[in-house]
Amino acid sequence: MPTSAPTRDLDPRLLRAFVAVAEELHFTRAAARLYVAQQALSRDVRRLERELGAELFVRTTRQVTLTPDGERLLPYARRMLQTQEELLAAFGQARPLLVDLNSPGLSTGREVLHRARRLAPDQELMARYESGLTHAAAEVLAGRLDASFGRFAGLPAALRAGLGHQPVRYEPMAILLPEGDPLARLPEVPLEALAGRAVYAGAGNPRTPEWTDLAHRLFEGRGIEVAAPVPLAVGEEEFQRVMGRSAVPVLAVVGFPAMPGTVVRPLVAPVPLSPVSLVWRKGLIHPALDALRQAAVQAAAENGWFRRPGEGWIPDSDAAVMYVQN
């Protein structure tokens, strides 16, 4: 009587190691992404190659590239890992949902996250701070984050194609001024009062080009310049130190906390609005994402986040995107 061939099972850990290296094309970065030792990651990749009987990567001292077999495996591995996440989520064993809030000083994402935690107390929603949607969106697509907040219309088309989004808020914009600035005495700052001045809006920061682009659109035709790049400051303390030395106004939103020696004043005439969306990876299934989306709807309704003042300003491209529901 003939015997059947033995069944082979692939450990999901091996596929996760393979996908991380395939996306990073760098073993050290992939190991850091998975919080494992590089030797353990290399061992898992070699084991997967033995079990499949195929070489998946070409490794040299300068670079790592996928072989044709590696290219062929990648979509299957991603689908298998996604299926595993869906299965675990269906039985209440979902991994933590990693939610980027951009900056500790911004209130919109923080309020939505806190509401989501109350709606889904059995789920773990972990905050991250990536300081800019363009950078965070790339991390979402790579699987290192699950969701973020920011200006969806300001993302490159290649990033938007892989993302879902849900409009959350039209957030009034403001100006951060040194206490000694003449405009700091005003309760509100008309945009025309900034004519002839340079305002910092993240120019040169690779994490925040969507914000700099919004500033260019707002300042165009008003005689306001986007300030030249300053040394990239990562973290609240470094940002305060660098901006304190430059002493230039900083484009912000009304909920942004003032730094030592500064004041925050709303911008008016017109009232510029920063469009905020919740953004996630298309195809992501996670019970905490459902809670996050529901929390965004609740917060917007209770706080009137979609009300636009009569003098409200927003680029046409953003206004169109903010009406799209996914």
Protein backbone atom coordinates (compact mmCIF):
# COMPACT_ATOMS: atom_id res chain seq x y z
CA MET A 1 0.00 0.00 0.00
CA PRO A 2 1.58 3.31 -0.98
CA THR A 3 2.30 5.82 1.72
CA SER A 4 1.55 9.50 1.36
CA ALA A 5 4.28 12.10 1.43
CA PRO A 6 4.90 13.66 4.85
CA THR A 7 3.10 16.97 5.49
CA ARG A 8 5.36 20.00 5.81
CA ASP A 9 4.32 22.96 7.95
CA LEU A 10 5.97 26.35 7.69
CA ASP A 11 6.54 28.22 10.93
CA PRO A 12 5.02 31.72 10.58
CA ARG A 13 8.07 33.08 12.39
CA LEU A 14 10.24 32.05 9.44
CA LEU A 15 7.93 33.79 6.98
CA ARG A 16 7.91 36.91 9.15
CA ALA A 17 11.71 36.94 9.13
CA PHE A 18 11.76 36.52 5.36
CA VAL A 19 9.26 39.34 4.75
CA ALA A 20 11.15 41.74 7.02
CA VAL A 21 14.44 41.13 5.19
CA ALA A 22 12.70 41.29 1.80
CA GLU A 23 11.21 44.69 2.63
CA GLU A 24 14.30 46.15 4.30
CA LEU A 25 16.91 44.45 2.08
CA HIS A 26 19.14 44.76 5.11
CA PHE A 27 19.52 42.14 7.86
CA THR A 28 20.42 44.59 10.63
CA ARG A 29 17.39 46.82 9.98
CA ALA A 30 15.12 43.80 9.64
CA ALA A 31 16.36 42.42 12.97
CA ALA A 32 15.74 45.76 14.69
CA ARG A 33 12.24 45.88 13.18
CA LEU A 34 11.42 42.45 14.64
CA TYR A 35 13.24 43.05 17.95
CA VAL A 36 15.42 39.97 17.49
CA ALA A 37 19.15 39.38 17.29
CA GLN A 38 20.60 39.51 13.79
CA GLN A 39 22.09 36.04 14.21
CA ALA A 40 18.65 34.63 15.07
CA LEU A 41 17.11 36.35 12.06
CA SER A 42 19.78 34.97 9.72
CA ARG A 43 19.26 31.51 11.19
CA ASP A 44 15.51 31.68 10.54
CA VAL A 45 16.04 32.78 6.93
CA ARG A 46 18.51 29.94 6.32
CA ARG A 47 16.08 27.45 7.85
CA LEU A 48 13.28 28.67 5.57
CA GLU A 49 15.58 28.32 2.55
CA ARG A 50 16.38 24.73 3.57
CA GLU A 51 12.71 23.85 4.08
CA LEU A 52 11.72 25.29 0.71
CA GLY A 53 14.80 24.03 -1.08
CA ALA A 54 15.41 27.45 -2.62
CA GLU A 55 17.81 30.34 -2.21
CA LEU A 56 15.76 33.45 -1.35
CA PHE A 57 18.43 36.15 -1.12
CA VAL A 58 21.72 37.04 -2.77
CA ARG A 59 23.96 38.33 0.01
CA THR A 60 27.12 40.34 -0.60
CA THR A 61 29.17 42.56 1.67
CA ARG A 62 27.44 45.61 0.15
CA GLN A 63 23.84 44.63 -0.40
CA VAL A 64 21.05 42.10 -0.05
CA THR A 65 18.75 41.38 -3.00
CA LEU A 66 15.89 38.97 -3.64
CA THR A 67 16.44 36.02 -5.95
CA PRO A 68 13.68 35.11 -8.45
CA ASP A 69 12.48 32.49 -5.94
CA GLY A 70 12.43 35.16 -3.24
CA GLU A 71 10.39 37.48 -5.47
CA ARG A 72 7.96 34.60 -6.12
CA LEU A 73 7.59 33.77 -2.42
CA LEU A 74 7.01 37.33 -1.16
CA PRO A 75 3.31 37.80 -2.09
CA TYR A 76 2.46 34.32 -0.75
CA ALA A 77 4.28 35.02 2.53
CA ARG A 78 2.48 38.35 2.98
CA ARG A 79 -0.90 36.73 2.39
CA MET A 80 -0.17 33.93 4.85
CA LEU A 81 0.87 36.36 7.57
CA GLN A 82 -2.19 38.52 6.94
CA THR A 83 -4.42 35.44 7.18
CA GLN A 84 -2.80 34.54 10.48
CA GLU A 85 -3.50 38.04 11.82
CA GLU A 86 -7.13 37.77 10.73
CA LEU A 87 -7.50 34.39 12.41
CA LEU A 88 -6.03 35.63 15.69
CA ALA A 89 -8.18 38.75 15.56
CA ALA A 90 -11.30 36.62 15.05
CA PHE A 91 -10.54 34.78 18.28
CA GLY A 92 -9.57 37.83 20.32
CA GLN A 93 -5.84 37.27 20.16
CA ALA A 94 -4.86 40.22 18.00
CA ARG A 95 -1.43 41.73 18.44
CA PRO A 96 -1.20 45.37 19.62
CA LEU A 97 -2.34 48.00 17.13
CA LEU A 98 0.51 50.51 16.61
CA VAL A 99 -0.95 54.02 16.19
CA ASP A 100 1.24 56.98 15.25
CA LEU A 101 0.18 60.30 16.83
CA ASN A 102 2.80 62.38 15.00
CA SER A 103 3.86 64.43 18.02
CA PRO A 104 3.12 64.32 21.77
CA GLY A 105 1.86 67.92 21.54
CA LEU A 106 -0.95 67.27 19.04
CA SER A 107 -4.40 66.61 20.47
CA THR A 108 -6.52 65.21 17.62
CA GLY A 109 -4.96 61.76 17.35
CA ARG A 110 -4.50 61.53 21.09
CA GLU A 111 -8.21 62.13 21.75
CA VAL A 112 -9.22 59.55 19.13
CA LEU A 113 -6.79 57.00 20.59
CA HIS A 114 -8.06 57.52 24.14
CA ARG A 115 -11.66 57.07 22.98
CA ALA A 116 -10.73 53.91 21.09
CA ARG A 117 -9.15 52.44 24.22
CA ARG A 118 -12.42 53.03 26.08
CA LEU A 119 -14.43 51.45 23.24
CA ALA A 120 -12.18 48.38 23.09
CA PRO A 121 -10.78 47.87 26.61
CA ASP A 122 -9.69 44.31 25.80
CA GLN A 123 -7.50 45.44 22.90
CA GLU A 124 -4.02 46.95 23.14
CA LEU A 125 -3.52 50.19 21.22
CA MET A 126 0.07 51.42 21.44
CA ALA A 127 1.01 55.03 20.69
CA ARG A 128 3.99 55.89 18.51
CA TYR A 129 5.40 59.30 17.54
CA GLU A 130 6.86 59.46 14.02
CA SER A 131 6.68 63.27 13.53
CA GLY A 132 5.11 63.50 10.08
CA LEU A 133 2.59 61.59 7.99
CA THR A 134 4.87 61.07 4.97
CA HIS A 135 7.36 59.13 7.07
CA ALA A 136 4.63 57.38 9.06
CA ALA A 137 2.77 56.31 5.89
CA ALA A 138 5.87 54.54 4.60
CA GLU A 139 6.16 52.79 7.97
CA VAL A 140 2.48 51.78 7.77
CA LEU A 141 2.98 50.27 4.31
CA ALA A 142 6.07 48.41 5.55
CA GLY A 143 4.11 46.93 8.45
CA ARG A 144 6.05 48.70 11.18
CA LEU A 145 3.00 50.84 12.05
CA ASP A 146 -0.71 50.20 11.59
CA ALA A 147 -2.27 53.66 11.52
CA SER A 148 -1.45 57.35 11.63
CA PHE A 149 -3.05 60.80 11.39
CA GLY A 150 -2.37 63.68 9.02
CA ARG A 151 -2.90 65.33 5.67
CA PHE A 152 -3.74 62.48 3.29
CA ALA A 153 -3.88 64.68 0.16
CA GLY A 154 -0.27 65.73 0.79
CA LEU A 155 1.08 62.21 0.36
CA PRO A 156 2.66 61.02 -2.90
CA ALA A 157 0.28 58.99 -5.06
CA ALA A 158 2.45 55.89 -4.62
CA LEU A 159 1.86 55.98 -0.87
CA ARG A 160 -1.84 56.84 -1.09
CA ALA A 161 -2.47 53.84 -3.36
CA GLY A 162 -1.75 51.38 -0.56
CA LEU A 163 -3.62 53.22 2.18
CA GLY A 164 -7.17 53.61 3.38
CA HIS A 165 -8.20 56.86 5.00
CA GLN A 166 -11.07 58.36 6.95
CA PRO A 167 -11.51 62.15 7.28
CA VAL A 168 -11.37 63.16 10.94
CA ARG A 169 -11.08 66.93 11.31
CA TYR A 170 -10.56 70.38 9.85
CA GLU A 171 -8.06 71.64 12.43
CA PRO A 172 -7.65 75.45 12.65
CA MET A 173 -4.07 76.55 12.18
CA ALA A 174 -2.06 78.88 14.40
CA ILE A 175 1.27 80.63 14.66
CA LEU A 176 3.85 80.03 17.37
CA LEU A 177 5.59 83.33 18.22
CA PRO A 178 8.41 84.40 20.53
CA GLU A 179 6.95 86.28 23.51
CA GLY A 180 8.76 89.45 22.45
CA ASP A 181 7.34 89.45 18.91
CA PRO A 182 4.99 92.44 18.30
CA LEU A 183 2.33 90.05 16.98
CA ALA A 184 2.35 88.13 20.26
CA ARG A 185 0.28 90.95 21.81
CA LEU A 186 -2.64 90.16 19.48
CA PRO A 187 -5.31 87.62 20.52
CA GLU A 188 -5.49 86.50 16.87
CA VAL A 189 -3.02 87.05 14.03
CA PRO A 190 -4.36 88.03 10.59
CA LEU A 191 -2.44 86.30 7.82
CA GLU A 192 -1.68 89.64 6.22
CA ALA A 193 0.27 90.62 9.36
CA LEU A 194 2.86 87.99 8.42
CA ALA A 195 3.53 89.51 4.99
CA GLY A 196 7.23 90.09 4.41
CA ARG A 197 8.24 87.54 7.03
CA ALA A 198 9.52 83.97 6.91
CA VAL A 199 7.63 81.29 8.84
CA TYR A 200 9.06 77.89 9.71
CA ALA A 201 6.96 75.00 8.31
CA GLY A 202 9.31 72.03 8.37
CA ALA A 203 11.17 72.85 5.16
CA GLY A 204 13.85 70.24 4.53
CA ASN A 205 12.41 67.76 7.01
CA PRO A 206 11.97 64.47 5.06
CA ARG A 207 9.31 63.34 7.52
CA THR A 208 6.91 66.27 6.99
CA PRO A 209 6.82 67.41 3.32
CA GLU A 210 3.00 67.25 3.37
CA TRP A 211 2.99 70.02 6.02
CA THR A 212 5.52 72.16 4.15
CA ASP A 213 3.45 71.81 0.99
CA LEU A 214 0.34 73.00 2.86
CA ALA A 215 2.29 76.05 4.05
CA HIS A 216 3.42 76.89 0.52
CA ARG A 217 -0.20 76.73 -0.67
CA LEU A 218 -1.35 78.94 2.22
CA PHE A 219 1.41 81.54 1.84
CA GLU A 220 1.23 81.80 -1.96
CA GLY A 221 0.21 85.29 -3.06
CA ARG A 222 0.28 86.63 0.51
CA GLY A 223 3.90 87.75 0.66
CA ILE A 224 4.83 85.17 3.29
CA GLU A 225 7.90 82.98 2.84
CA VAL A 226 8.55 79.47 4.07
CA ALA A 227 11.63 79.73 6.29
CA ALA A 228 14.81 77.97 5.21
CA PRO A 229 15.57 74.54 6.68
CA VAL A 230 17.07 74.30 10.14
CA PRO A 231 19.02 71.32 11.53
CA LEU A 232 16.66 68.37 11.79
CA ALA A 233 15.54 68.15 15.42
CA VAL A 234 14.14 64.81 16.62
CA GLY A 235 12.20 64.93 19.87
CA GLU A 236 10.38 67.71 21.71
CA GLU A 237 13.39 68.96 23.67
CA GLU A 238 15.62 69.28 20.60
CA PHE A 239 12.85 70.96 18.60
CA GLN A 240 12.39 73.55 21.35
CA ARG A 241 16.13 74.22 21.53
CA VAL A 242 16.58 74.61 17.76
CA MET A 243 13.49 76.76 17.24
CA GLY A 244 14.38 78.88 20.29
CA ARG A 245 17.70 79.73 18.65
CA SER A 246 16.15 80.58 15.29
CA ALA A 247 13.50 82.91 16.80
CA VAL A 248 11.27 82.67 13.71
CA PRO A 249 7.49 82.15 13.82
CA VAL A 250 6.40 78.52 13.48
CA LEU A 251 3.29 77.37 11.63
CA ALA A 252 1.25 75.17 13.96
CA VAL A 253 -2.33 74.23 14.88
CA VAL A 254 -4.48 75.72 17.63
CA GLY A 255 -3.99 72.80 19.99
CA PHE A 256 -0.19 72.90 19.79
CA PRO A 257 1.30 73.64 23.25
CA ALA A 258 3.42 76.75 23.55
CA MET A 259 7.11 76.19 24.19
CA PRO A 260 8.98 78.12 26.90
CA GLY A 261 9.25 81.78 25.86
CA THR A 262 6.58 81.49 23.16
CA VAL A 263 2.84 81.99 22.67
CA VAL A 264 0.38 80.31 20.29
CA ARG A 265 -2.06 82.57 18.43
CA PRO A 266 -4.87 81.49 16.06
CA LEU A 267 -4.54 82.60 12.43
CA VAL A 268 -7.48 84.48 10.91
CA ALA A 269 -8.64 86.33 7.82
CA PRO A 270 -8.95 83.71 6.49
CA VAL A 271 -8.91 80.90 9.05
CA PRO A 272 -6.56 78.28 7.54
CA LEU A 273 -7.59 74.69 8.20
CA SER A 274 -5.31 71.69 8.43
CA PRO A 275 -7.14 68.59 7.07
CA VAL A 276 -6.62 65.55 9.30
CA SER A 277 -7.40 61.98 8.25
CA LEU A 278 -6.96 58.64 9.95
CA VAL A 279 -4.76 56.54 7.67
CA TRP A 280 -4.16 52.78 7.70
CA ARG A 281 -2.80 50.02 5.48
CA LYS A 282 -5.37 48.71 3.00
CA GLY A 283 -6.46 45.18 3.82
CA LEU A 284 -5.60 45.51 7.52
CA ILE A 285 -8.09 43.60 9.68
CA HIS A 286 -7.84 44.22 13.40
CA PRO A 287 -10.60 44.72 15.99
CA ALA A 288 -8.79 47.72 17.45
CA LEU A 289 -8.80 49.43 14.03
CA ASP A 290 -12.58 49.19 14.04
CA ALA A 291 -12.61 50.87 17.46
CA LEU A 292 -10.21 53.55 16.26
CA ARG A 293 -12.42 54.38 13.27
CA GLN A 294 -15.54 54.48 15.45
CA ALA A 295 -13.76 56.72 17.96
CA ALA A 296 -12.83 59.15 15.17
CA VAL A 297 -16.49 59.40 14.11
CA GLN A 298 -17.62 60.02 17.70
CA ALA A 299 -14.96 62.65 18.39
CA ALA A 300 -15.73 64.52 15.17
CA ALA A 301 -19.45 64.59 15.92
CA GLU A 302 -19.12 65.67 19.55
CA ASN A 303 -16.48 68.32 18.93
CA GLY A 304 -17.79 69.70 15.65
CA TRP A 305 -14.54 68.87 13.89
CA PHE A 306 -16.10 69.14 10.44
CA ARG A 307 -17.54 72.61 10.94
CA ARG A 308 -15.84 75.10 8.65
CA PRO A 309 -15.86 78.81 9.54
CA GLY A 310 -17.21 81.24 6.96
CA GLU A 311 -13.67 82.47 6.35
CA GLY A 312 -12.18 78.99 6.39
CA TRP A 313 -9.40 78.19 3.90
CA ILE A 314 -8.38 74.78 2.62
CA PRO A 315 -6.81 73.74 -0.72
CA ASP A 316 -9.32 72.42 -3.25
CA SER A 317 -7.41 69.14 -3.54
CA ASP A 318 -7.73 68.58 0.20
CA ALA A 319 -11.41 69.54 0.28
CA ALA A 320 -12.15 66.88 -2.35
CA VAL A 321 -10.23 64.19 -0.47
CA MET A 322 -11.90 65.04 2.84
CA TYR A 323 -15.30 64.10 1.42
CA VAL A 324 -14.09 60.62 0.41
CA GLN A 325 -15.07 57.92 2.88
CA ASN A 326 -13.32 54.51 2.82
